Amino acid sequence: MAADAGGGGGVVKHILLARFKEEVTPERLDQLIRGYAGLVSLVPSMKAFHWGTDVSIENMHQGFTHVFESTFESTEGIKEYIEHPAHVEFANEFLPALEKTLIIDYKPTSGNNS
């Protein structure tokens, strides 16, 4: 499995890029984002959550408008998150609101590794 390429231990970032369907209202979007952020208090393996909207001037976003970043202590933590009933319930609400998505899990490294 690609996510396990560097072993299971160590901090792992779970990045979700999203483009929401046009019919998703600002109120519904706010509700979905609050629900996503609320997973931190419901899923023990999820240590942090941040989100934002595209502000790039390069116009290379390929239609993605939002980014969601979750932090886990290990790839095992992501597996626990994916299987957690609170995540499953949330995903059943969140995913149908998306026009498209891209999800990547990675282990951060500093830029000066040799």
PDB file of N, CA and C in Angstrom:
ATOM      1  N   MET A   1       0.842  -1.181   0.000  1.00  0.00           N
ATOM      2  CA  MET A   1       0.000   0.000   0.000  1.00  0.00           C
ATOM      3  C   MET A   1       0.886   1.242   0.000  1.00  0.00           C
ATOM      4  N   ALA A   2       0.600   2.204  -0.846  1.00  0.00           N
ATOM      5  CA  ALA A   2       1.449   3.379  -1.001  1.00  0.00           C
ATOM      6  C   ALA A   2       1.588   4.174   0.288  1.00  0.00           C
ATOM      7  N   ALA A   3       0.517   4.279   1.081  1.00  0.00           N
ATOM      8  CA  ALA A   3       0.569   5.076   2.311  1.00  0.00           C
ATOM      9  C   ALA A   3       1.542   4.480   3.314  1.00  0.00           C
ATOM     10  N   ASP A   4       1.839   3.193   3.189  1.00  0.00           N
ATOM     11  CA  ASP A   4       2.738   2.544   4.131  1.00  0.00           C
ATOM     12  C   ASP A   4       4.181   2.510   3.631  1.00  0.00           C
ATOM     13  N   ALA A   5       4.461   3.196   2.554  1.00  0.00           N
ATOM     14  CA  ALA A   5       5.792   3.133   1.948  1.00  0.00           C
ATOM     15  C   ALA A   5       6.888   3.521   2.924  1.00  0.00           C
ATOM     16  N   GLY A   6       6.608   4.457   3.822  1.00  0.00           N
ATOM     17  CA  GLY A   6       7.609   4.887   4.783  1.00  0.00           C
ATOM     18  C   GLY A   6       7.438   4.269   6.145  1.00  0.00           C
ATOM     19  N   GLY A   7       6.662   3.212   6.263  1.00  0.00           N
ATOM     20  CA  GLY A   7       6.387   2.616   7.559  1.00  0.00           C
ATOM     21  C   GLY A   7       5.171   3.243   8.191  1.00  0.00           C
ATOM     22  N   GLY A   8       4.648   2.617   9.248  1.00  0.00           N
ATOM     23  CA  GLY A   8       3.401   3.066   9.845  1.00  0.00           C
ATOM     24  C   GLY A   8       3.527   4.170  10.860  1.00  0.00           C
ATOM     25  N   GLY A   9       4.714   4.321  11.498  1.00  0.00           N
ATOM     26  CA  GLY A   9       4.864   5.303  12.559  1.00  0.00           C
ATOM     27  C   GLY A   9       5.208   6.681  12.037  1.00  0.00           C
ATOM     28  N   GLY A  10       5.054   7.683  12.887  1.00  0.00           N
ATOM     29  CA  GLY A  10       5.377   9.055  12.517  1.00  0.00           C
ATOM     30  C   GLY A  10       4.173   9.815  12.009  1.00  0.00           C
ATOM     31  N   VAL A  11       4.222  11.121  12.146  1.00  0.00           N
ATOM     32  CA  VAL A  11       3.116  11.981  11.762  1.00  0.00           C
ATOM     33  C   VAL A  11       2.758  11.794  10.287  1.00  0.00           C
ATOM     34  N   VAL A  12       1.450  11.736  10.018  1.00  0.00           N
ATOM     35  CA  VAL A  12       0.940  11.622   8.660  1.00  0.00           C
ATOM     36  C   VAL A  12      -0.119  12.696   8.459  1.00  0.00           C
ATOM     37  N   LYS A  13      -0.039  13.382   7.337  1.00  0.00           N
ATOM     38  CA  LYS A  13      -1.031  14.386   6.955  1.00  0.00           C
ATOM     39  C   LYS A  13      -1.987  13.768   5.940  1.00  0.00           C
ATOM     40  N   HIS A  14      -3.270  14.015   6.137  1.00  0.00           N
ATOM     41  CA  HIS A  14      -4.330  13.544   5.251  1.00  0.00           C
ATOM     42  C   HIS A  14      -4.901  14.796   4.583  1.00  0.00           C
ATOM     43  N   ILE A  15      -4.666  14.935   3.288  1.00  0.00           N
ATOM     44  CA  ILE A  15      -5.070  16.124   2.547  1.00  0.00           C
ATOM     45  C   ILE A  15      -6.231  15.774   1.630  1.00  0.00           C
ATOM     46  N   LEU A  16      -7.300  16.552   1.719  1.00  0.00           N
ATOM     47  CA  LEU A  16      -8.450  16.379   0.845  1.00  0.00           C
ATOM     48  C   LEU A  16      -8.681  17.689   0.106  1.00  0.00           C
ATOM     49  N   LEU A  17      -8.575  17.644  -1.224  1.00  0.00           N
ATOM     50  CA  LEU A  17      -8.914  18.786  -2.062  1.00  0.00           C
ATOM     51  C   LEU A  17     -10.345  18.589  -2.532  1.00  0.00           C
ATOM     52  N   ALA A  18     -11.124  19.667  -2.542  1.00  0.00           N
ATOM     53  CA  ALA A  18     -12.538  19.526  -2.869  1.00  0.00           C
ATOM     54  C   ALA A  18     -13.032  20.632  -3.781  1.00  0.00           C
ATOM     55  N   ARG A  19     -13.956  20.245  -4.623  1.00  0.00           N
ATOM     56  CA  ARG A  19     -14.784  21.188  -5.365  1.00  0.00           C
ATOM     57  C   ARG A  19     -16.217  20.763  -5.077  1.00  0.00           C
ATOM     58  N   PHE A  20     -16.967  21.662  -4.477  1.00  0.00           N
ATOM     59  CA  PHE A  20     -18.338  21.347  -4.104  1.00  0.00           C
ATOM     60  C   PHE A  20     -19.284  21.568  -5.275  1.00  0.00           C
ATOM     61  N   LYS A  21     -20.374  20.824  -5.296  1.00  0.00           N
ATOM     62  CA  LYS A  21     -21.389  20.980  -6.331  1.00  0.00           C
ATOM     63  C   LYS A  21     -21.989  22.380  -6.237  1.00  0.00           C
ATOM     64  N   GLU A  22     -22.399  22.924  -7.371  1.00  0.00           N
ATOM     65  CA  GLU A  22     -22.946  24.274  -7.416  1.00  0.00           C
ATOM     66  C   GLU A  22     -24.165  24.454  -6.526  1.00  0.00           C
ATOM     67  N   GLU A  23     -24.957  23.403  -6.367  1.00  0.00           N
ATOM     68  CA  GLU A  23     -26.188  23.523  -5.577  1.00  0.00           C
ATOM     69  C   GLU A  23     -25.954  23.542  -4.066  1.00  0.00           C
ATOM     70  N   VAL A  24     -24.716  23.325  -3.622  1.00  0.00           N
ATOM     71  CA  VAL A  24     -24.412  23.375  -2.188  1.00  0.00           C
ATOM     72  C   VAL A  24     -24.435  24.838  -1.740  1.00  0.00           C
ATOM     73  N   THR A  25     -25.374  25.161  -0.863  1.00  0.00           N
ATOM     74  CA  THR A  25     -25.526  26.545  -0.398  1.00  0.00           C
ATOM     75  C   THR A  25     -24.413  26.908   0.581  1.00  0.00           C
ATOM     76  N   PRO A  26     -24.144  28.190   0.755  1.00  0.00           N
ATOM     77  CA  PRO A  26     -23.151  28.606   1.752  1.00  0.00           C
ATOM     78  C   PRO A  26     -23.466  28.082   3.151  1.00  0.00           C
ATOM     79  N   GLU A  27     -24.742  28.023   3.496  1.00  0.00           N
ATOM     80  CA  GLU A  27     -25.145  27.501   4.811  1.00  0.00           C
ATOM     81  C   GLU A  27     -24.818  26.020   4.938  1.00  0.00           C
ATOM     82  N   ARG A  28     -25.099  25.263   3.891  1.00  0.00           N
ATOM     83  CA  ARG A  28     -24.798  23.834   3.891  1.00  0.00           C
ATOM     84  C   ARG A  28     -23.282  23.609   3.923  1.00  0.00           C
ATOM     85  N   LEU A  29     -22.543  24.409   3.173  1.00  0.00           N
ATOM     86  CA  LEU A  29     -21.087  24.303   3.168  1.00  0.00           C
ATOM     87  C   LEU A  29     -20.535  24.555   4.566  1.00  0.00           C
ATOM     88  N   ASP A  30     -21.026  25.577   5.232  1.00  0.00           N
ATOM     89  CA  ASP A  30     -20.598  25.881   6.600  1.00  0.00           C
ATOM     90  C   ASP A  30     -20.901  24.710   7.530  1.00  0.00           C
ATOM     91  N   GLN A  31     -22.067  24.124   7.371  1.00  0.00           N
ATOM     92  CA  GLN A  31     -22.461  22.964   8.189  1.00  0.00           C
ATOM     93  C   GLN A  31     -21.515  21.785   7.946  1.00  0.00           C
ATOM     94  N   LEU A  32     -21.170  21.539   6.697  1.00  0.00           N
ATOM     95  CA  LEU A  32     -20.265  20.433   6.367  1.00  0.00           C
ATOM     96  C   LEU A  32     -18.867  20.671   6.941  1.00  0.00           C
ATOM     97  N   ILE A  33     -18.380  21.902   6.840  1.00  0.00           N
ATOM     98  CA  ILE A  33     -17.052  22.212   7.361  1.00  0.00           C
ATOM     99  C   ILE A  33     -17.030  22.075   8.881  1.00  0.00           C
ATOM    100  N   ARG A  34     -18.083  22.533   9.549  1.00  0.00           N
ATOM    101  CA  ARG A  34     -18.153  22.380  11.019  1.00  0.00           C
ATOM    102  C   ARG A  34     -18.203  20.896  11.390  1.00  0.00           C
ATOM    103  N   GLY A  35     -18.903  20.103  10.599  1.00  0.00           N
ATOM    104  CA  GLY A  35     -18.958  18.663  10.844  1.00  0.00           C
ATOM    105  C   GLY A  35     -17.603  18.003  10.687  1.00  0.00           C
ATOM    106  N   TYR A  36     -16.868  18.423   9.678  1.00  0.00           N
ATOM    107  CA  TYR A  36     -15.520  17.895   9.439  1.00  0.00           C
ATOM    108  C   TYR A  36     -14.621  18.255  10.616  1.00  0.00           C
ATOM    109  N   ALA A  37     -14.638  19.528  11.012  1.00  0.00           N
ATOM    110  CA  ALA A  37     -13.812  19.976  12.136  1.00  0.00           C
ATOM    111  C   ALA A  37     -14.179  19.254  13.423  1.00  0.00           C
ATOM    112  N   GLY A  38     -15.441  18.923  13.584  1.00  0.00           N
ATOM    113  CA  GLY A  38     -15.910  18.233  14.790  1.00  0.00           C
ATOM    114  C   GLY A  38     -15.391  16.821  14.936  1.00  0.00           C
ATOM    115  N   LEU A  39     -14.892  16.243  13.855  1.00  0.00           N
ATOM    116  CA  LEU A  39     -14.360  14.879  13.934  1.00  0.00           C
ATOM    117  C   LEU A  39     -13.143  14.799  14.860  1.00  0.00           C
ATOM    118  N   VAL A  40     -12.419  15.906  15.023  1.00  0.00           N
ATOM    119  CA  VAL A  40     -11.238  15.903  15.900  1.00  0.00           C
ATOM    120  C   VAL A  40     -11.619  15.476  17.316  1.00  0.00           C
ATOM    121  N   SER A  41     -12.777  15.893  17.787  1.00  0.00           N
ATOM    122  CA  SER A  41     -13.186  15.536  19.153  1.00  0.00           C
ATOM    123  C   SER A  41     -13.880  14.176  19.216  1.00  0.00           C
ATOM    124  N   LEU A  42     -14.178  13.588  18.073  1.00  0.00           N
ATOM    125  CA  LEU A  42     -14.881  12.302  18.054  1.00  0.00           C
ATOM    126  C   LEU A  42     -13.993  11.122  17.693  1.00  0.00           C
ATOM    127  N   VAL A  43     -12.924  11.383  16.935  1.00  0.00           N
ATOM    128  CA  VAL A  43     -12.041  10.315  16.455  1.00  0.00           C
ATOM    129  C   VAL A  43     -10.687  10.466  17.153  1.00  0.00           C
ATOM    130  N   PRO A  44     -10.365   9.578  18.092  1.00  0.00           N
ATOM    131  CA  PRO A  44      -9.132   9.730  18.884  1.00  0.00           C
ATOM    132  C   PRO A  44      -7.847   9.820  18.061  1.00  0.00           C
ATOM    133  N   SER A  45      -7.776   9.143  16.936  1.00  0.00           N
ATOM    134  CA  SER A  45      -6.533   9.148  16.143  1.00  0.00           C
ATOM    135  C   SER A  45      -6.334  10.441  15.347  1.00  0.00           C
ATOM    136  N   MET A  46      -7.374  11.259  15.234  1.00  0.00           N
ATOM    137  CA  MET A  46      -7.286  12.531  14.498  1.00  0.00           C
ATOM    138  C   MET A  46      -6.816  13.605  15.467  1.00  0.00           C
ATOM    139  N   LYS A  47      -5.605  14.110  15.256  1.00  0.00           N
ATOM    140  CA  LYS A  47      -4.969  15.017  16.215  1.00  0.00           C
ATOM    141  C   LYS A  47      -5.187  16.489  15.916  1.00  0.00           C
ATOM    142  N   ALA A  48      -5.389  16.860  14.646  1.00  0.00           N
ATOM    143  CA  ALA A  48      -5.576  18.269  14.279  1.00  0.00           C
ATOM    144  C   ALA A  48      -6.311  18.354  12.955  1.00  0.00           C
ATOM    145  N   PHE A  49      -6.943  19.504  12.735  1.00  0.00           N
ATOM    146  CA  PHE A  49      -7.684  19.757  11.501  1.00  0.00           C
ATOM    147  C   PHE A  49      -7.544  21.223  11.124  1.00  0.00           C
ATOM    148  N   HIS A  50      -7.247  21.471   9.855  1.00  0.00           N
ATOM    149  CA  HIS A  50      -7.191  22.822   9.310  1.00  0.00           C
ATOM    150  C   HIS A  50      -7.868  22.799   7.945  1.00  0.00           C
ATOM    151  N   TRP A  51      -8.388  23.929   7.542  1.00  0.00           N
ATOM    152  CA  TRP A  51      -8.986  24.010   6.218  1.00  0.00           C
ATOM    153  C   TRP A  51      -8.829  25.425   5.680  1.00  0.00           C
ATOM    154  N   GLY A  52      -9.003  25.570   4.381  1.00  0.00           N
ATOM    155  CA  GLY A  52      -8.959  26.876   3.758  1.00  0.00           C
ATOM    156  C   GLY A  52      -9.451  26.796   2.330  1.00  0.00           C
ATOM    157  N   THR A  53      -9.525  27.970   1.696  1.00  0.00           N
ATOM    158  CA  THR A  53      -9.934  28.046   0.308  1.00  0.00           C
ATOM    159  C   THR A  53      -8.750  28.491  -0.545  1.00  0.00           C
ATOM    160  N   ASP A  54      -8.824  28.188  -1.813  1.00  0.00           N
ATOM    161  CA  ASP A  54      -7.738  28.513  -2.734  1.00  0.00           C
ATOM    162  C   ASP A  54      -7.545  30.025  -2.827  1.00  0.00           C
ATOM    163  N   VAL A  55      -6.319  30.461  -2.647  1.00  0.00           N
ATOM    164  CA  VAL A  55      -5.969  31.880  -2.786  1.00  0.00           C
ATOM    165  C   VAL A  55      -4.807  32.064  -3.764  1.00  0.00           C
ATOM    166  N   SER A  56      -4.478  31.018  -4.499  1.00  0.00           N
ATOM    167  CA  SER A  56      -3.333  31.055  -5.414  1.00  0.00           C
ATOM    168  C   SER A  56      -3.576  31.997  -6.577  1.00  0.00           C
ATOM    169  N   ILE A  57      -2.535  32.670  -6.996  1.00  0.00           N
ATOM    170  CA  ILE A  57      -2.608  33.526  -8.189  1.00  0.00           C
ATOM    171  C   ILE A  57      -2.145  32.782  -9.440  1.00  0.00           C
ATOM    172  N   GLU A  58      -1.723  31.526  -9.283  1.00  0.00           N
ATOM    173  CA  GLU A  58      -1.181  30.760 -10.410  1.00  0.00           C
ATOM    174  C   GLU A  58      -2.253  30.121 -11.293  1.00  0.00           C
ATOM    175  N   ASN A  59      -3.496  30.097 -10.818  1.00  0.00           N
ATOM    176  CA  ASN A  59      -4.613  29.523 -11.575  1.00  0.00           C
ATOM    177  C   ASN A  59      -4.330  28.088 -12.029  1.00  0.00           C
ATOM    178  N   MET A  60      -3.767  27.297 -11.111  1.00  0.00           N
ATOM    179  CA  MET A  60      -3.481  25.895 -11.413  1.00  0.00           C
ATOM    180  C   MET A  60      -4.276  24.958 -10.499  1.00  0.00           C
ATOM    181  N   HIS A  61      -5.373  25.442  -9.952  1.00  0.00           N
ATOM    182  CA  HIS A  61      -6.162  24.696  -8.970  1.00  0.00           C
ATOM    183  C   HIS A  61      -7.007  23.580  -9.566  1.00  0.00           C
ATOM    184  N   GLN A  62      -7.120  23.530 -10.882  1.00  0.00           N
ATOM    185  CA  GLN A  62      -7.887  22.507 -11.597  1.00  0.00           C
ATOM    186  C   GLN A  62      -9.326  22.410 -11.097  1.00  0.00           C
ATOM    187  N   GLY A  63      -9.859  23.529 -10.634  1.00  0.00           N
ATOM    188  CA  GLY A  63     -11.248  23.570 -10.182  1.00  0.00           C
ATOM    189  C   GLY A  63     -11.444  23.295  -8.706  1.00  0.00           C
ATOM    190  N   PHE A  64     -10.398  22.864  -8.009  1.00  0.00           N
ATOM    191  CA  PHE A  64     -10.523  22.630  -6.571  1.00  0.00           C
ATOM    192  C   PHE A  64     -10.589  23.975  -5.858  1.00  0.00           C
ATOM    193  N   THR A  65     -11.504  24.098  -4.928  1.00  0.00           N
ATOM    194  CA  THR A  65     -11.720  25.372  -4.235  1.00  0.00           C
ATOM    195  C   THR A  65     -11.370  25.327  -2.750  1.00  0.00           C
ATOM    196  N   HIS A  66     -11.390  24.145  -2.159  1.00  0.00           N
ATOM    197  CA  HIS A  66     -11.162  23.991  -0.720  1.00  0.00           C
ATOM    198  C   HIS A  66     -10.099  22.928  -0.453  1.00  0.00           C
ATOM    199  N   VAL A  67      -9.346  23.139   0.614  1.00  0.00           N
ATOM    200  CA  VAL A  67      -8.381  22.131   1.065  1.00  0.00           C
ATOM    201  C   VAL A  67      -8.640  21.853   2.542  1.00  0.00           C
ATOM    202  N   PHE A  68      -8.614  20.578   2.887  1.00  0.00           N
ATOM    203  CA  PHE A  68      -8.819  20.123   4.262  1.00  0.00           C
ATOM    204  C   PHE A  68      -7.608  19.281   4.656  1.00  0.00           C
ATOM    205  N   GLU A  69      -6.994  19.617   5.780  1.00  0.00           N
ATOM    206  CA  GLU A  69      -5.798  18.918   6.248  1.00  0.00           C
ATOM    207  C   GLU A  69      -6.059  18.353   7.641  1.00  0.00           C
ATOM    208  N   SER A  70      -5.906  17.045   7.761  1.00  0.00           N
ATOM    209  CA  SER A  70      -6.029  16.377   9.058  1.00  0.00           C
ATOM    210  C   SER A  70      -4.678  15.776   9.412  1.00  0.00           C
ATOM    211  N   THR A  71      -4.344  15.801  10.694  1.00  0.00           N
ATOM    212  CA  THR A  71      -3.066  15.267  11.161  1.00  0.00           C
ATOM    213  C   THR A  71      -3.303  14.035  12.012  1.00  0.00           C
ATOM    214  N   PHE A  72      -2.501  13.009  11.751  1.00  0.00           N
ATOM    215  CA  PHE A  72      -2.564  11.745  12.483  1.00  0.00           C
ATOM    216  C   PHE A  72      -1.163  11.367  12.938  1.00  0.00           C
ATOM    217  N   GLU A  73      -1.073  10.537  13.968  1.00  0.00           N
ATOM    218  CA  GLU A  73       0.230  10.121  14.489  1.00  0.00           C
ATOM    219  C   GLU A  73       0.862   9.002  13.682  1.00  0.00           C
ATOM    220  N   SER A  74       0.073   8.347  12.816  1.00  0.00           N
ATOM    221  CA  SER A  74       0.593   7.216  12.044  1.00  0.00           C
ATOM    222  C   SER A  74      -0.378   6.860  10.925  1.00  0.00           C
ATOM    223  N   THR A  75       0.079   6.013  10.004  1.00  0.00           N
ATOM    224  CA  THR A  75      -0.824   5.518   8.968  1.00  0.00           C
ATOM    225  C   THR A  75      -1.909   4.640   9.596  1.00  0.00           C
ATOM    226  N   GLU A  76      -1.586   3.967  10.700  1.00  0.00           N
ATOM    227  CA  GLU A  76      -2.596   3.184  11.405  1.00  0.00           C
ATOM    228  C   GLU A  76      -3.706   4.096  11.918  1.00  0.00           C
ATOM    229  N   GLY A  77      -3.322   5.313  12.332  1.00  0.00           N
ATOM    230  CA  GLY A  77      -4.311   6.285  12.802  1.00  0.00           C
ATOM    231  C   GLY A  77      -5.283   6.683  11.711  1.00  0.00           C
ATOM    232  N   ILE A  78      -4.790   6.784  10.478  1.00  0.00           N
ATOM    233  CA  ILE A  78      -5.683   7.097   9.357  1.00  0.00           C
ATOM    234  C   ILE A  78      -6.645   5.944   9.112  1.00  0.00           C
ATOM    235  N   LYS A  79      -6.136   4.722   9.214  1.00  0.00           N
ATOM    236  CA  LYS A  79      -7.005   3.550   9.051  1.00  0.00           C
ATOM    237  C   LYS A  79      -8.104   3.559  10.113  1.00  0.00           C
ATOM    238  N   GLU A  80      -7.748   3.854  11.355  1.00  0.00           N
ATOM    239  CA  GLU A  80      -8.743   3.933  12.432  1.00  0.00           C
ATOM    240  C   GLU A  80      -9.774   5.017  12.133  1.00  0.00           C
ATOM    241  N   TYR A  81      -9.307   6.152  11.629  1.00  0.00           N
ATOM    242  CA  TYR A  81     -10.182   7.270  11.271  1.00  0.00           C
ATOM    243  C   TYR A  81     -11.171   6.867  10.185  1.00  0.00           C
ATOM    244  N   ILE A  82     -10.667   6.248   9.131  1.00  0.00           N
ATOM    245  CA  ILE A  82     -11.514   5.856   8.005  1.00  0.00           C
ATOM    246  C   ILE A  82     -12.606   4.883   8.449  1.00  0.00           C
ATOM    247  N   GLU A  83     -12.272   4.008   9.386  1.00  0.00           N
ATOM    248  CA  GLU A  83     -13.227   2.996   9.843  1.00  0.00           C
ATOM    249  C   GLU A  83     -14.110   3.474  10.991  1.00  0.00           C
ATOM    250  N   HIS A  84     -13.792   4.603  11.606  1.00  0.00           N
ATOM    251  CA  HIS A  84     -14.532   5.086  12.774  1.00  0.00           C
ATOM    252  C   HIS A  84     -15.979   5.423  12.384  1.00  0.00           C
ATOM    253  N   PRO A  85     -16.954   4.992  13.181  1.00  0.00           N
ATOM    254  CA  PRO A  85     -18.364   5.253  12.856  1.00  0.00           C
ATOM    255  C   PRO A  85     -18.689   6.741  12.641  1.00  0.00           C
ATOM    256  N   ALA A  86     -18.058   7.638  13.396  1.00  0.00           N
ATOM    257  CA  ALA A  86     -18.321   9.074  13.213  1.00  0.00           C
ATOM    258  C   ALA A  86     -17.845   9.544  11.844  1.00  0.00           C
ATOM    259  N   HIS A  87     -16.698   9.032  11.388  1.00  0.00           N
ATOM    260  CA  HIS A  87     -16.193   9.392  10.055  1.00  0.00           C
ATOM    261  C   HIS A  87     -17.078   8.811   8.970  1.00  0.00           C
ATOM    262  N   VAL A  88     -17.475   7.564   9.131  1.00  0.00           N
ATOM    263  CA  VAL A  88     -18.334   6.911   8.135  1.00  0.00           C
ATOM    264  C   VAL A  88     -19.639   7.702   7.983  1.00  0.00           C
ATOM    265  N   GLU A  89     -20.235   8.074   9.099  1.00  0.00           N
ATOM    266  CA  GLU A  89     -21.482   8.850   9.067  1.00  0.00           C
ATOM    267  C   GLU A  89     -21.256  10.206   8.389  1.00  0.00           C
ATOM    268  N   PHE A  90     -20.163  10.889   8.749  1.00  0.00           N
ATOM    269  CA  PHE A  90     -19.865  12.183   8.153  1.00  0.00           C
ATOM    270  C   PHE A  90     -19.600  12.057   6.654  1.00  0.00           C
ATOM    271  N   ALA A  91     -18.808  11.071   6.259  1.00  0.00           N
ATOM    272  CA  ALA A  91     -18.477  10.875   4.845  1.00  0.00           C
ATOM    273  C   ALA A  91     -19.734  10.651   4.009  1.00  0.00           C
ATOM    274  N   ASN A  92     -20.733   9.989   4.574  1.00  0.00           N
ATOM    275  CA  ASN A  92     -21.986   9.758   3.861  1.00  0.00           C
ATOM    276  C   ASN A  92     -22.743  11.059   3.599  1.00  0.00           C
ATOM    277  N   GLU A  93     -22.478  12.107   4.378  1.00  0.00           N
ATOM    278  CA  GLU A  93     -23.061  13.426   4.149  1.00  0.00           C
ATOM    279  C   GLU A  93     -22.159  14.276   3.255  1.00  0.00           C
ATOM    280  N   PHE A  94     -20.860  14.220   3.508  1.00  0.00           N
ATOM    281  CA  PHE A  94     -19.887  15.095   2.850  1.00  0.00           C
ATOM    282  C   PHE A  94     -19.653  14.734   1.387  1.00  0.00           C
ATOM    283  N   LEU A  95     -19.377  13.481   1.120  1.00  0.00           N
ATOM    284  CA  LEU A  95     -18.988  13.059  -0.227  1.00  0.00           C
ATOM    285  C   LEU A  95     -20.041  13.354  -1.297  1.00  0.00           C
ATOM    286  N   PRO A  96     -21.338  13.170  -1.025  1.00  0.00           N
ATOM    287  CA  PRO A  96     -22.332  13.492  -2.059  1.00  0.00           C
ATOM    288  C   PRO A  96     -22.388  14.986  -2.418  1.00  0.00           C
ATOM    289  N   ALA A  97     -21.847  15.860  -1.573  1.00  0.00           N
ATOM    290  CA  ALA A  97     -21.843  17.305  -1.846  1.00  0.00           C
ATOM    291  C   ALA A  97     -20.690  17.716  -2.762  1.00  0.00           C
ATOM    292  N   LEU A  98     -19.806  16.777  -3.074  1.00  0.00           N
ATOM    293  CA  LEU A  98     -18.612  17.095  -3.858  1.00  0.00           C
ATOM    294  C   LEU A  98     -18.811  16.872  -5.352  1.00  0.00           C
ATOM    295  N   GLU A  99     -18.332  17.832  -6.123  1.00  0.00           N
ATOM    296  CA  GLU A  99     -18.259  17.684  -7.575  1.00  0.00           C
ATOM    297  C   GLU A  99     -17.057  16.805  -7.920  1.00  0.00           C
ATOM    298  N   LYS A 100     -15.930  17.079  -7.223  1.00  0.00           N
ATOM    299  CA  LYS A 100     -14.739  16.248  -7.385  1.00  0.00           C
ATOM    300  C   LYS A 100     -13.860  16.399  -6.154  1.00  0.00           C
ATOM    301  N   THR A 101     -13.008  15.401  -5.962  1.00  0.00           N
ATOM    302  CA  THR A 101     -12.118  15.405  -4.810  1.00  0.00           C
ATOM    303  C   THR A 101     -10.827  14.682  -5.148  1.00  0.00           C
ATOM    304  N   LEU A 102      -9.806  15.003  -4.382  1.00  0.00           N
ATOM    305  CA  LEU A 102      -8.508  14.335  -4.478  1.00  0.00           C
ATOM    306  C   LEU A 102      -8.005  14.181  -3.052  1.00  0.00           C
ATOM    307  N   ILE A 103      -7.605  12.984  -2.691  1.00  0.00           N
ATOM    308  CA  ILE A 103      -7.134  12.723  -1.327  1.00  0.00           C
ATOM    309  C   ILE A 103      -5.728  12.147  -1.397  1.00  0.00           C
ATOM    310  N   ILE A 104      -4.837  12.733  -0.604  1.00  0.00           N
ATOM    311  CA  ILE A 104      -3.450  12.273  -0.519  1.00  0.00           C
ATOM    312  C   ILE A 104      -3.048  12.214   0.946  1.00  0.00           C
ATOM    313  N   ASP A 105      -2.393  11.144   1.328  1.00  0.00           N
ATOM    314  CA  ASP A 105      -1.797  11.022   2.660  1.00  0.00           C
ATOM    315  C   ASP A 105      -0.283  11.060   2.473  1.00  0.00           C
ATOM    316  N   TYR A 106       0.398  11.831   3.327  1.00  0.00           N
ATOM    317  CA  TYR A 106       1.854  11.901   3.210  1.00  0.00           C
ATOM    318  C   TYR A 106       2.496  12.109   4.569  1.00  0.00           C
ATOM    319  N   LYS A 107       3.774  11.749   4.640  1.00  0.00           N
ATOM    320  CA  LYS A 107       4.583  11.971   5.840  1.00  0.00           C
ATOM    321  C   LYS A 107       5.449  13.192   5.598  1.00  0.00           C
ATOM    322  N   PRO A 108       5.253  14.254   6.376  1.00  0.00           N
ATOM    323  CA  PRO A 108       6.051  15.462   6.172  1.00  0.00           C
ATOM    324  C   PRO A 108       7.527  15.195   6.447  1.00  0.00           C
ATOM    325  N   THR A 109       8.360  15.800   5.619  1.00  0.00           N
ATOM    326  CA  THR A 109       9.803  15.776   5.833  1.00  0.00           C
ATOM    327  C   THR A 109      10.311  17.198   5.690  1.00  0.00           C
ATOM    328  N   SER A 110      11.422  17.491   6.308  1.00  0.00           N
ATOM    329  CA  SER A 110      11.999  18.832   6.172  1.00  0.00           C
ATOM    330  C   SER A 110      12.686  18.929   4.819  1.00  0.00           C
ATOM    331  N   GLY A 111      12.827  20.133   4.323  1.00  0.00           N
ATOM    332  CA  GLY A 111      13.420  20.366   3.010  1.00  0.00           C
ATOM    333  C   GLY A 111      14.916  20.136   2.963  1.00  0.00           C
ATOM    334  N   ASN A 112      15.566  19.908   4.102  1.00  0.00           N
ATOM    335  CA  ASN A 112      17.015  19.772   4.102  1.00  0.00           C
ATOM    336  C   ASN A 112      17.479  18.340   4.304  1.00  0.00           C
ATOM    337  N   ASN A 113      16.596  17.363   4.049  1.00  0.00           N
ATOM    338  CA  ASN A 113      17.018  15.955   4.159  1.00  0.00           C
ATOM    339  C   ASN A 113      17.975  15.636   3.027  1.00  0.00           C
ATOM    340  N   SER A 114      19.029  14.915   3.358  1.00  0.00           N
ATOM    341  CA  SER A 114      20.012  14.533   2.334  1.00  0.00           C
ATOM    342  C   SER A 114      19.742  13.126   1.834  1.00  0.00           C
TER     343      SER A 114
END
